[in-house]
Amino acid sequence: MLELLEVSFSFLVKELPDGSFQLDIKEQTKAVIQNIKSILELSGATLNNLVDLTVFLKDMNDYNDFNEVYNQFFDAKTGPSRTTVAVKDLPSPKLLIEIKAVAVMPAYR
């Protein structure tokens, strides 16, 4: 039996003392992928179990910086399939990225 795990995770930044927010696509991308990795590991899987990612970017001008971090985790030839789209808004103005991930889970023994 094939078991799938679907995860959607975003990363909230902390408010700075002056009330502003420092938004960094590289930091948010790394945090989101590390969160997905942690969730997968709790389920007995790894990033290698991912088969499909849908990436939602608030600004497509962030694509190159996002992709630079993404490529630290995934190989273009062997990694999961990926769709990257720009969206008008995400649930919080502090978010620059959200990733929906689908993994094939290893068989339980």
PDB file of N, CA and C in Angstrom:
ATOM      1  N   MET A   1       0.839  -1.178   0.000  1.00  0.00           N
ATOM      2  CA  MET A   1       0.000   0.000   0.000  1.00  0.00           C
ATOM      3  C   MET A   1       0.886   1.245   0.000  1.00  0.00           C
ATOM      4  N   LEU A   2       0.571   2.189  -0.841  1.00  0.00           N
ATOM      5  CA  LEU A   2       1.297   3.450  -0.951  1.00  0.00           C
ATOM      6  C   LEU A   2       0.715   4.453   0.037  1.00  0.00           C
ATOM      7  N   GLU A   3       1.583   5.011   0.869  1.00  0.00           N
ATOM      8  CA  GLU A   3       1.127   5.994   1.846  1.00  0.00           C
ATOM      9  C   GLU A   3       1.755   7.332   1.510  1.00  0.00           C
ATOM     10  N   LEU A   4       0.921   8.358   1.434  1.00  0.00           N
ATOM     11  CA  LEU A   4       1.391   9.701   1.117  1.00  0.00           C
ATOM     12  C   LEU A   4       1.249  10.596   2.333  1.00  0.00           C
ATOM     13  N   LEU A   5       2.179  11.516   2.470  1.00  0.00           N
ATOM     14  CA  LEU A   5       2.107  12.537   3.513  1.00  0.00           C
ATOM     15  C   LEU A   5       2.131  13.877   2.804  1.00  0.00           C
ATOM     16  N   GLU A   6       1.157  14.730   3.115  1.00  0.00           N
ATOM     17  CA  GLU A   6       1.104  16.051   2.514  1.00  0.00           C
ATOM     18  C   GLU A   6       1.316  17.084   3.604  1.00  0.00           C
ATOM     19  N   VAL A   7       2.221  18.022   3.362  1.00  0.00           N
ATOM     20  CA  VAL A   7       2.589  19.028   4.347  1.00  0.00           C
ATOM     21  C   VAL A   7       2.541  20.394   3.688  1.00  0.00           C
ATOM     22  N   SER A   8       1.964  21.344   4.370  1.00  0.00           N
ATOM     23  CA  SER A   8       2.036  22.731   3.918  1.00  0.00           C
ATOM     24  C   SER A   8       2.566  23.537   5.087  1.00  0.00           C
ATOM     25  N   PHE A   9       3.637  24.281   4.866  1.00  0.00           N
ATOM     26  CA  PHE A   9       4.267  24.971   5.977  1.00  0.00           C
ATOM     27  C   PHE A   9       4.792  26.311   5.534  1.00  0.00           C
ATOM     28  N   SER A  10       4.581  27.319   6.332  1.00  0.00           N
ATOM     29  CA  SER A  10       5.153  28.629   6.088  1.00  0.00           C
ATOM     30  C   SER A  10       5.945  29.042   7.309  1.00  0.00           C
ATOM     31  N   PHE A  11       6.693  30.112   7.178  1.00  0.00           N
ATOM     32  CA  PHE A  11       7.545  30.566   8.261  1.00  0.00           C
ATOM     33  C   PHE A  11       7.211  32.000   8.604  1.00  0.00           C
ATOM     34  N   LEU A  12       6.913  32.255   9.863  1.00  0.00           N
ATOM     35  CA  LEU A  12       6.651  33.616  10.321  1.00  0.00           C
ATOM     36  C   LEU A  12       7.933  34.226  10.858  1.00  0.00           C
ATOM     37  N   VAL A  13       8.204  35.479  10.498  1.00  0.00           N
ATOM     38  CA  VAL A  13       9.380  36.183  11.007  1.00  0.00           C
ATOM     39  C   VAL A  13       9.022  36.895  12.299  1.00  0.00           C
ATOM     40  N   LYS A  14      10.028  37.235  13.067  1.00  0.00           N
ATOM     41  CA  LYS A  14       9.815  37.955  14.315  1.00  0.00           C
ATOM     42  C   LYS A  14       9.798  39.452  14.062  1.00  0.00           C
ATOM     43  N   GLU A  15       9.001  40.110  14.845  1.00  0.00           N
ATOM     44  CA  GLU A  15       8.935  41.563  14.764  1.00  0.00           C
ATOM     45  C   GLU A  15      10.176  42.164  15.423  1.00  0.00           C
ATOM     46  N   LEU A  16      10.769  43.151  14.785  1.00  0.00           N
ATOM     47  CA  LEU A  16      11.931  43.843  15.330  1.00  0.00           C
ATOM     48  C   LEU A  16      11.487  44.827  16.417  1.00  0.00           C
ATOM     49  N   PRO A  17      12.391  45.232  17.297  1.00  0.00           N
ATOM     50  CA  PRO A  17      12.029  46.136  18.402  1.00  0.00           C
ATOM     51  C   PRO A  17      11.331  47.416  17.948  1.00  0.00           C
ATOM     52  N   ASP A  18      11.651  47.909  16.757  1.00  0.00           N
ATOM     53  CA  ASP A  18      11.020  49.141  16.282  1.00  0.00           C
ATOM     54  C   ASP A  18       9.659  48.912  15.637  1.00  0.00           C
ATOM     55  N   GLY A  19       9.184  47.656  15.643  1.00  0.00           N
ATOM     56  CA  GLY A  19       7.872  47.332  15.088  1.00  0.00           C
ATOM     57  C   GLY A  19       7.896  46.949  13.623  1.00  0.00           C
ATOM     58  N   SER A  20       9.037  47.051  12.981  1.00  0.00           N
ATOM     59  CA  SER A  20       9.134  46.670  11.578  1.00  0.00           C
ATOM     60  C   SER A  20       9.502  45.186  11.469  1.00  0.00           C
ATOM     61  N   PHE A  21       9.475  44.698  10.246  1.00  0.00           N
ATOM     62  CA  PHE A  21       9.811  43.306   9.978  1.00  0.00           C
ATOM     63  C   PHE A  21      10.932  43.255   8.956  1.00  0.00           C
ATOM     64  N   GLN A  22      11.901  42.416   9.223  1.00  0.00           N
ATOM     65  CA  GLN A  22      12.966  42.186   8.249  1.00  0.00           C
ATOM     66  C   GLN A  22      12.637  40.900   7.517  1.00  0.00           C
ATOM     67  N   LEU A  23      12.226  41.019   6.273  1.00  0.00           N
ATOM     68  CA  LEU A  23      11.817  39.863   5.486  1.00  0.00           C
ATOM     69  C   LEU A  23      12.945  39.455   4.559  1.00  0.00           C
ATOM     70  N   ASP A  24      13.334  38.201   4.627  1.00  0.00           N
ATOM     71  CA  ASP A  24      14.449  37.693   3.832  1.00  0.00           C
ATOM     72  C   ASP A  24      14.036  36.371   3.205  1.00  0.00           C
ATOM     73  N   ILE A  25      13.924  36.351   1.890  1.00  0.00           N
ATOM     74  CA  ILE A  25      13.466  35.143   1.199  1.00  0.00           C
ATOM     75  C   ILE A  25      14.408  33.971   1.423  1.00  0.00           C
ATOM     76  N   LYS A  26      15.706  34.221   1.501  1.00  0.00           N
ATOM     77  CA  LYS A  26      16.646  33.126   1.724  1.00  0.00           C
ATOM     78  C   LYS A  26      16.434  32.495   3.097  1.00  0.00           C
ATOM     79  N   GLU A  27      16.290  33.316   4.121  1.00  0.00           N
ATOM     80  CA  GLU A  27      16.061  32.791   5.473  1.00  0.00           C
ATOM     81  C   GLU A  27      14.733  32.052   5.556  1.00  0.00           C
ATOM     82  N   GLN A  28      13.690  32.628   4.958  1.00  0.00           N
ATOM     83  CA  GLN A  28      12.380  31.973   5.009  1.00  0.00           C
ATOM     84  C   GLN A  28      12.383  30.664   4.232  1.00  0.00           C
ATOM     85  N   THR A  29      13.046  30.637   3.077  1.00  0.00           N
ATOM     86  CA  THR A  29      13.112  29.402   2.293  1.00  0.00           C
ATOM     87  C   THR A  29      13.817  28.303   3.084  1.00  0.00           C
ATOM     88  N   LYS A  30      14.956  28.641   3.658  1.00  0.00           N
ATOM     89  CA  LYS A  30      15.705  27.659   4.450  1.00  0.00           C
ATOM     90  C   LYS A  30      14.874  27.158   5.627  1.00  0.00           C
ATOM     91  N   ALA A  31      14.200  28.059   6.322  1.00  0.00           N
ATOM     92  CA  ALA A  31      13.389  27.670   7.481  1.00  0.00           C
ATOM     93  C   ALA A  31      12.222  26.768   7.077  1.00  0.00           C
ATOM     94  N   VAL A  32      11.566  27.087   5.972  1.00  0.00           N
ATOM     95  CA  VAL A  32      10.435  26.265   5.522  1.00  0.00           C
ATOM     96  C   VAL A  32      10.908  24.862   5.155  1.00  0.00           C
ATOM     97  N   ILE A  33      11.996  24.757   4.404  1.00  0.00           N
ATOM     98  CA  ILE A  33      12.493  23.432   4.007  1.00  0.00           C
ATOM     99  C   ILE A  33      12.970  22.650   5.231  1.00  0.00           C
ATOM    100  N   GLN A  34      13.614  23.309   6.168  1.00  0.00           N
ATOM    101  CA  GLN A  34      14.041  22.618   7.390  1.00  0.00           C
ATOM    102  C   GLN A  34      12.841  22.165   8.210  1.00  0.00           C
ATOM    103  N   ASN A  35      11.772  22.949   8.227  1.00  0.00           N
ATOM    104  CA  ASN A  35      10.557  22.524   8.927  1.00  0.00           C
ATOM    105  C   ASN A  35       9.927  21.308   8.261  1.00  0.00           C
ATOM    106  N   ILE A  36       9.888  21.314   6.938  1.00  0.00           N
ATOM    107  CA  ILE A  36       9.368  20.154   6.217  1.00  0.00           C
ATOM    108  C   ILE A  36      10.226  18.932   6.526  1.00  0.00           C
ATOM    109  N   LYS A  37      11.535  19.118   6.519  1.00  0.00           N
ATOM    110  CA  LYS A  37      12.467  18.023   6.837  1.00  0.00           C
ATOM    111  C   LYS A  37      12.184  17.458   8.224  1.00  0.00           C
ATOM    112  N   SER A  38      11.985  18.321   9.202  1.00  0.00           N
ATOM    113  CA  SER A  38      11.711  17.875  10.575  1.00  0.00           C
ATOM    114  C   SER A  38      10.407  17.086  10.661  1.00  0.00           C
ATOM    115  N   ILE A  39       9.388  17.564   9.975  1.00  0.00           N
ATOM    116  CA  ILE A  39       8.099  16.858   9.973  1.00  0.00           C
ATOM    117  C   ILE A  39       8.258  15.485   9.333  1.00  0.00           C
ATOM    118  N   LEU A  40       8.968  15.430   8.217  1.00  0.00           N
ATOM    119  CA  LEU A  40       9.191  14.146   7.553  1.00  0.00           C
ATOM    120  C   LEU A  40       9.949  13.179   8.454  1.00  0.00           C
ATOM    121  N   GLU A  41      10.985  13.671   9.125  1.00  0.00           N
ATOM    122  CA  GLU A  41      11.784  12.806   9.995  1.00  0.00           C
ATOM    123  C   GLU A  41      10.949  12.257  11.146  1.00  0.00           C
ATOM    124  N   LEU A  42      10.040  13.057  11.683  1.00  0.00           N
ATOM    125  CA  LEU A  42       9.147  12.560  12.740  1.00  0.00           C
ATOM    126  C   LEU A  42       8.243  11.441  12.232  1.00  0.00           C
ATOM    127  N   SER A  43       8.033  11.421  10.922  1.00  0.00           N
ATOM    128  CA  SER A  43       7.190  10.395  10.308  1.00  0.00           C
ATOM    129  C   SER A  43       7.995   9.242   9.737  1.00  0.00           C
ATOM    130  N   GLY A  44       9.318   9.252   9.966  1.00  0.00           N
ATOM    131  CA  GLY A  44      10.160   8.168   9.471  1.00  0.00           C
ATOM    132  C   GLY A  44      10.622   8.345   8.035  1.00  0.00           C
ATOM    133  N   ALA A  45      10.552   9.574   7.525  1.00  0.00           N
ATOM    134  CA  ALA A  45      10.946   9.833   6.141  1.00  0.00           C
ATOM    135  C   ALA A  45      12.032  10.910   6.109  1.00  0.00           C
ATOM    136  N   THR A  46      12.504  11.211   4.913  1.00  0.00           N
ATOM    137  CA  THR A  46      13.507  12.268   4.718  1.00  0.00           C
ATOM    138  C   THR A  46      13.076  13.121   3.530  1.00  0.00           C
ATOM    139  N   LEU A  47      13.861  14.130   3.241  1.00  0.00           N
ATOM    140  CA  LEU A  47      13.588  14.957   2.063  1.00  0.00           C
ATOM    141  C   LEU A  47      13.638  14.127   0.777  1.00  0.00           C
ATOM    142  N   ASN A  48      14.365  13.019   0.801  1.00  0.00           N
ATOM    143  CA  ASN A  48      14.437  12.144  -0.375  1.00  0.00           C
ATOM    144  C   ASN A  48      13.108  11.474  -0.688  1.00  0.00           C
ATOM    145  N   ASN A  49      12.184  11.453   0.272  1.00  0.00           N
ATOM    146  CA  ASN A  49      10.870  10.866   0.050  1.00  0.00           C
ATOM    147  C   ASN A  49       9.903  11.824  -0.641  1.00  0.00           C
ATOM    148  N   LEU A  50      10.291  13.091  -0.768  1.00  0.00           N
ATOM    149  CA  LEU A  50       9.420  14.061  -1.428  1.00  0.00           C
ATOM    150  C   LEU A  50       9.296  13.740  -2.909  1.00  0.00           C
ATOM    151  N   VAL A  51       8.079  13.812  -3.415  1.00  0.00           N
ATOM    152  CA  VAL A  51       7.847  13.560  -4.835  1.00  0.00           C
ATOM    153  C   VAL A  51       7.328  14.790  -5.565  1.00  0.00           C
ATOM    154  N   ASP A  52       6.753  15.745  -4.827  1.00  0.00           N
ATOM    155  CA  ASP A  52       6.200  16.930  -5.479  1.00  0.00           C
ATOM    156  C   ASP A  52       6.173  18.099  -4.506  1.00  0.00           C
ATOM    157  N   LEU A  53       6.580  19.266  -4.989  1.00  0.00           N
ATOM    158  CA  LEU A  53       6.513  20.494  -4.208  1.00  0.00           C
ATOM    159  C   LEU A  53       5.776  21.549  -5.019  1.00  0.00           C
ATOM    160  N   THR A  54       4.931  22.301  -4.347  1.00  0.00           N
ATOM    161  CA  THR A  54       4.339  23.494  -4.935  1.00  0.00           C
ATOM    162  C   THR A  54       4.814  24.659  -4.094  1.00  0.00           C
ATOM    163  N   VAL A  55       5.515  25.583  -4.731  1.00  0.00           N
ATOM    164  CA  VAL A  55       6.098  26.725  -4.045  1.00  0.00           C
ATOM    165  C   VAL A  55       5.291  27.966  -4.411  1.00  0.00           C
ATOM    166  N   PHE A  56       4.856  28.681  -3.384  1.00  0.00           N
ATOM    167  CA  PHE A  56       4.102  29.912  -3.565  1.00  0.00           C
ATOM    168  C   PHE A  56       4.988  31.072  -3.133  1.00  0.00           C
ATOM    169  N   LEU A  57       5.379  31.913  -4.087  1.00  0.00           N
ATOM    170  CA  LEU A  57       6.196  33.081  -3.798  1.00  0.00           C
ATOM    171  C   LEU A  57       5.333  34.332  -3.887  1.00  0.00           C
ATOM    172  N   LYS A  58       5.494  35.204  -2.930  1.00  0.00           N
ATOM    173  CA  LYS A  58       4.740  36.455  -2.963  1.00  0.00           C
ATOM    174  C   LYS A  58       5.254  37.373  -4.066  1.00  0.00           C
ATOM    175  N   ASP A  59       6.527  37.250  -4.393  1.00  0.00           N
ATOM    176  CA  ASP A  59       7.129  38.106  -5.413  1.00  0.00           C
ATOM    177  C   ASP A  59       8.081  37.261  -6.265  1.00  0.00           C
ATOM    178  N   MET A  60       7.799  37.141  -7.543  1.00  0.00           N
ATOM    179  CA  MET A  60       8.639  36.326  -8.421  1.00  0.00           C
ATOM    180  C   MET A  60      10.035  36.916  -8.571  1.00  0.00           C
ATOM    181  N   ASN A  61      10.227  38.163  -8.180  1.00  0.00           N
ATOM    182  CA  ASN A  61      11.577  38.738  -8.171  1.00  0.00           C
ATOM    183  C   ASN A  61      12.471  38.048  -7.136  1.00  0.00           C
ATOM    184  N   ASP A  62      11.873  37.306  -6.206  1.00  0.00           N
ATOM    185  CA  ASP A  62      12.622  36.547  -5.203  1.00  0.00           C
ATOM    186  C   ASP A  62      13.057  35.175  -5.719  1.00  0.00           C
ATOM    187  N   TYR A  63      12.676  34.835  -6.954  1.00  0.00           N
ATOM    188  CA  TYR A  63      12.908  33.480  -7.455  1.00  0.00           C
ATOM    189  C   TYR A  63      14.380  33.067  -7.408  1.00  0.00           C
ATOM    190  N   ASN A  64      15.286  33.899  -7.876  1.00  0.00           N
ATOM    191  CA  ASN A  64      16.701  33.509  -7.917  1.00  0.00           C
ATOM    192  C   ASN A  64      17.252  33.254  -6.520  1.00  0.00           C
ATOM    193  N   ASP A  65      16.917  34.111  -5.553  1.00  0.00           N
ATOM    194  CA  ASP A  65      17.386  33.897  -4.178  1.00  0.00           C
ATOM    195  C   ASP A  65      16.742  32.655  -3.568  1.00  0.00           C
ATOM    196  N   PHE A  66      15.455  32.451  -3.820  1.00  0.00           N
ATOM    197  CA  PHE A  66      14.783  31.230  -3.370  1.00  0.00           C
ATOM    198  C   PHE A  66      15.477  30.006  -3.968  1.00  0.00           C
ATOM    199  N   ASN A  67      15.711  30.032  -5.271  1.00  0.00           N
ATOM    200  CA  ASN A  67      16.278  28.889  -5.976  1.00  0.00           C
ATOM    201  C   ASN A  67      17.692  28.569  -5.490  1.00  0.00           C
ATOM    202  N   GLU A  68      18.450  29.592  -5.125  1.00  0.00           N
ATOM    203  CA  GLU A  68      19.799  29.387  -4.596  1.00  0.00           C
ATOM    204  C   GLU A  68      19.745  28.536  -3.322  1.00  0.00           C
ATOM    205  N   VAL A  69      18.828  28.844  -2.434  1.00  0.00           N
ATOM    206  CA  VAL A  69      18.684  28.069  -1.189  1.00  0.00           C
ATOM    207  C   VAL A  69      18.089  26.696  -1.493  1.00  0.00           C
ATOM    208  N   TYR A  70      17.067  26.650  -2.325  1.00  0.00           N
ATOM    209  CA  TYR A  70      16.426  25.387  -2.706  1.00  0.00           C
ATOM    210  C   TYR A  70      17.460  24.391  -3.214  1.00  0.00           C
ATOM    211  N   ASN A  71      18.379  24.865  -4.044  1.00  0.00           N
ATOM    212  CA  ASN A  71      19.393  23.979  -4.639  1.00  0.00           C
ATOM    213  C   ASN A  71      20.399  23.451  -3.626  1.00  0.00           C
ATOM    214  N   GLN A  72      20.431  24.016  -2.432  1.00  0.00           N
ATOM    215  CA  GLN A  72      21.270  23.471  -1.363  1.00  0.00           C
ATOM    216  C   GLN A  72      20.657  22.197  -0.775  1.00  0.00           C
ATOM    217  N   PHE A  73      19.356  22.012  -0.973  1.00  0.00           N
ATOM    218  CA  PHE A  73      18.638  20.865  -0.420  1.00  0.00           C
ATOM    219  C   PHE A  73      18.287  19.817  -1.473  1.00  0.00           C
ATOM    220  N   PHE A  74      18.094  20.241  -2.721  1.00  0.00           N
ATOM    221  CA  PHE A  74      17.589  19.341  -3.756  1.00  0.00           C
ATOM    222  C   PHE A  74      18.428  19.451  -5.024  1.00  0.00           C
ATOM    223  N   ASP A  75      18.602  18.314  -5.691  1.00  0.00           N
ATOM    224  CA  ASP A  75      19.283  18.251  -6.969  1.00  0.00           C
ATOM    225  C   ASP A  75      18.232  18.332  -8.075  1.00  0.00           C
ATOM    226  N   ALA A  76      18.481  19.137  -9.083  1.00  0.00           N
ATOM    227  CA  ALA A  76      17.507  19.326 -10.157  1.00  0.00           C
ATOM    228  C   ALA A  76      17.190  18.025 -10.891  1.00  0.00           C
ATOM    229  N   LYS A  77      18.155  17.113 -10.981  1.00  0.00           N
ATOM    230  CA  LYS A  77      17.944  15.868 -11.725  1.00  0.00           C
ATOM    231  C   LYS A  77      17.248  14.799 -10.897  1.00  0.00           C
ATOM    232  N   THR A  78      17.479  14.785  -9.585  1.00  0.00           N
ATOM    233  CA  THR A  78      16.955  13.693  -8.765  1.00  0.00           C
ATOM    234  C   THR A  78      15.936  14.144  -7.720  1.00  0.00           C
ATOM    235  N   GLY A  79      15.751  15.433  -7.568  1.00  0.00           N
ATOM    236  CA  GLY A  79      14.838  15.949  -6.552  1.00  0.00           C
ATOM    237  C   GLY A  79      13.381  15.803  -6.972  1.00  0.00           C
ATOM    238  N   PRO A  80      12.480  16.271  -6.115  1.00  0.00           N
ATOM    239  CA  PRO A  80      11.053  16.166  -6.421  1.00  0.00           C
ATOM    240  C   PRO A  80      10.662  17.077  -7.579  1.00  0.00           C
ATOM    241  N   SER A  81       9.541  16.748  -8.215  1.00  0.00           N
ATOM    242  CA  SER A  81       9.021  17.676  -9.214  1.00  0.00           C
ATOM    243  C   SER A  81       8.615  18.953  -8.478  1.00  0.00           C
ATOM    244  N   ARG A  82       8.650  20.068  -9.179  1.00  0.00           N
ATOM    245  CA  ARG A  82       8.374  21.331  -8.509  1.00  0.00           C
ATOM    246  C   ARG A  82       7.614  22.269  -9.433  1.00  0.00           C
ATOM    247  N   THR A  83       6.620  22.907  -8.856  1.00  0.00           N
ATOM    248  CA  THR A  83       5.908  23.990  -9.511  1.00  0.00           C
ATOM    249  C   THR A  83       6.088  25.218  -8.646  1.00  0.00           C
ATOM    250  N   THR A  84       6.499  26.324  -9.247  1.00  0.00           N
ATOM    251  CA  THR A  84       6.677  27.565  -8.509  1.00  0.00           C
ATOM    252  C   THR A  84       5.774  28.615  -9.133  1.00  0.00           C
ATOM    253  N   VAL A  85       4.937  29.211  -8.300  1.00  0.00           N
ATOM    254  CA  VAL A  85       4.001  30.219  -8.783  1.00  0.00           C
ATOM    255  C   VAL A  85       4.076  31.470  -7.918  1.00  0.00           C
ATOM    256  N   ALA A  86       3.761  32.593  -8.525  1.00  0.00           N
ATOM    257  CA  ALA A  86       3.647  33.843  -7.776  1.00  0.00           C
ATOM    258  C   ALA A  86       2.189  33.999  -7.350  1.00  0.00           C
ATOM    259  N   VAL A  87       2.002  34.462  -6.126  1.00  0.00           N
ATOM    260  CA  VAL A  87       0.654  34.677  -5.616  1.00  0.00           C
ATOM    261  C   VAL A  87       0.516  36.130  -5.174  1.00  0.00           C
ATOM    262  N   LYS A  88      -0.700  36.613  -5.208  1.00  0.00           N
ATOM    263  CA  LYS A  88      -0.936  38.002  -4.813  1.00  0.00           C
ATOM    264  C   LYS A  88      -0.644  38.216  -3.341  1.00  0.00           C
ATOM    265  N   ASP A  89      -1.106  37.300  -2.514  1.00  0.00           N
ATOM    266  CA  ASP A  89      -0.922  37.398  -1.068  1.00  0.00           C
ATOM    267  C   ASP A  89      -0.775  36.020  -0.466  1.00  0.00           C
ATOM    268  N   LEU A  90      -0.150  35.988   0.707  1.00  0.00           N
ATOM    269  CA  LEU A  90      -0.096  34.796   1.543  1.00  0.00           C
ATOM    270  C   LEU A  90      -0.861  35.143   2.822  1.00  0.00           C
ATOM    271  N   PRO A  91      -1.122  34.179   3.690  1.00  0.00           N
ATOM    272  CA  PRO A  91      -1.967  34.440   4.864  1.00  0.00           C
ATOM    273  C   PRO A  91      -1.483  35.553   5.797  1.00  0.00           C
ATOM    274  N   SER A  92      -0.217  35.882   5.745  1.00  0.00           N
ATOM    275  CA  SER A  92       0.322  36.948   6.599  1.00  0.00           C
ATOM    276  C   SER A  92       1.216  37.850   5.757  1.00  0.00           C
ATOM    277  N   PRO A  93       1.212  39.159   6.018  1.00  0.00           N
ATOM    278  CA  PRO A  93       2.117  40.047   5.279  1.00  0.00           C
ATOM    279  C   PRO A  93       3.588  39.787   5.598  1.00  0.00           C
ATOM    280  N   LYS A  94       3.860  38.991   6.620  1.00  0.00           N
ATOM    281  CA  LYS A  94       5.230  38.647   6.996  1.00  0.00           C
ATOM    282  C   LYS A  94       5.776  37.479   6.180  1.00  0.00           C
ATOM    283  N   LEU A  95       4.935  36.831   5.420  1.00  0.00           N
ATOM    284  CA  LEU A  95       5.351  35.661   4.646  1.00  0.00           C
ATOM    285  C   LEU A  95       5.748  36.039   3.238  1.00  0.00           C
ATOM    286  N   LEU A  96       6.871  35.514   2.801  1.00  0.00           N
ATOM    287  CA  LEU A  96       7.320  35.662   1.419  1.00  0.00           C
ATOM    288  C   LEU A  96       7.159  34.367   0.636  1.00  0.00           C
ATOM    289  N   ILE A  97       7.016  33.247   1.354  1.00  0.00           N
ATOM    290  CA  ILE A  97       6.991  31.931   0.722  1.00  0.00           C
ATOM    291  C   ILE A  97       6.140  30.964   1.531  1.00  0.00           C
ATOM    292  N   GLU A  98       5.520  30.058   0.815  1.00  0.00           N
ATOM    293  CA  GLU A  98       4.860  28.897   1.413  1.00  0.00           C
ATOM    294  C   GLU A  98       5.144  27.730   0.483  1.00  0.00           C
ATOM    295  N   ILE A  99       5.350  26.546   1.059  1.00  0.00           N
ATOM    296  CA  ILE A  99       5.629  25.355   0.250  1.00  0.00           C
ATOM    297  C   ILE A  99       4.675  24.243   0.663  1.00  0.00           C
ATOM    298  N   LYS A 100       4.029  23.659  -0.324  1.00  0.00           N
ATOM    299  CA  LYS A 100       3.219  22.460  -0.125  1.00  0.00           C
ATOM    300  C   LYS A 100       4.056  21.292  -0.614  1.00  0.00           C
ATOM    301  N   ALA A 101       4.234  20.287   0.241  1.00  0.00           N
ATOM    302  CA  ALA A 101       5.100  19.156  -0.085  1.00  0.00           C
ATOM    303  C   ALA A 101       4.326  17.846   0.007  1.00  0.00           C
ATOM    304  N   VAL A 102       4.566  16.968  -0.945  1.00  0.00           N
ATOM    305  CA  VAL A 102       3.963  15.631  -0.942  1.00  0.00           C
ATOM    306  C   VAL A 102       5.103  14.619  -0.963  1.00  0.00           C
ATOM    307  N   ALA A 103       5.052  13.662  -0.038  1.00  0.00           N
ATOM    308  CA  ALA A 103       6.083  12.638   0.074  1.00  0.00           C
ATOM    309  C   ALA A 103       5.456  11.256   0.015  1.00  0.00           C
ATOM    310  N   VAL A 104       6.201  10.319  -0.543  1.00  0.00           N
ATOM    311  CA  VAL A 104       5.843   8.902  -0.475  1.00  0.00           C
ATOM    312  C   VAL A 104       6.537   8.378   0.774  1.00  0.00           C
ATOM    313  N   MET A 105       5.739   7.847   1.680  1.00  0.00           N
ATOM    314  CA  MET A 105       6.276   7.415   2.958  1.00  0.00           C
ATOM    315  C   MET A 105       6.876   6.017   2.842  1.00  0.00           C
ATOM    316  N   PRO A 106       7.994   5.795   3.571  1.00  0.00           N
ATOM    317  CA  PRO A 106       8.576   4.454   3.569  1.00  0.00           C
ATOM    318  C   PRO A 106       7.618   3.466   4.240  1.00  0.00           C
ATOM    319  N   ALA A 107       7.716   2.219   3.829  1.00  0.00           N
ATOM    320  CA  ALA A 107       6.847   1.181   4.388  1.00  0.00           C
ATOM    321  C   ALA A 107       7.189   0.952   5.850  1.00  0.00           C
ATOM    322  N   TYR A 108       6.151   0.777   6.659  1.00  0.00           N
ATOM    323  CA  TYR A 108       6.375   0.469   8.072  1.00  0.00           C
ATOM    324  C   TYR A 108       6.710  -0.993   8.217  1.00  0.00           C
ATOM    325  N   ARG A 109       7.616  -1.291   9.117  1.00  0.00           N
ATOM    326  CA  ARG A 109       8.018  -2.691   9.326  1.00  0.00           C
ATOM    327  C   ARG A 109       7.589  -3.152  10.683  1.00  0.00           C
TER     328      ARG A 109
END
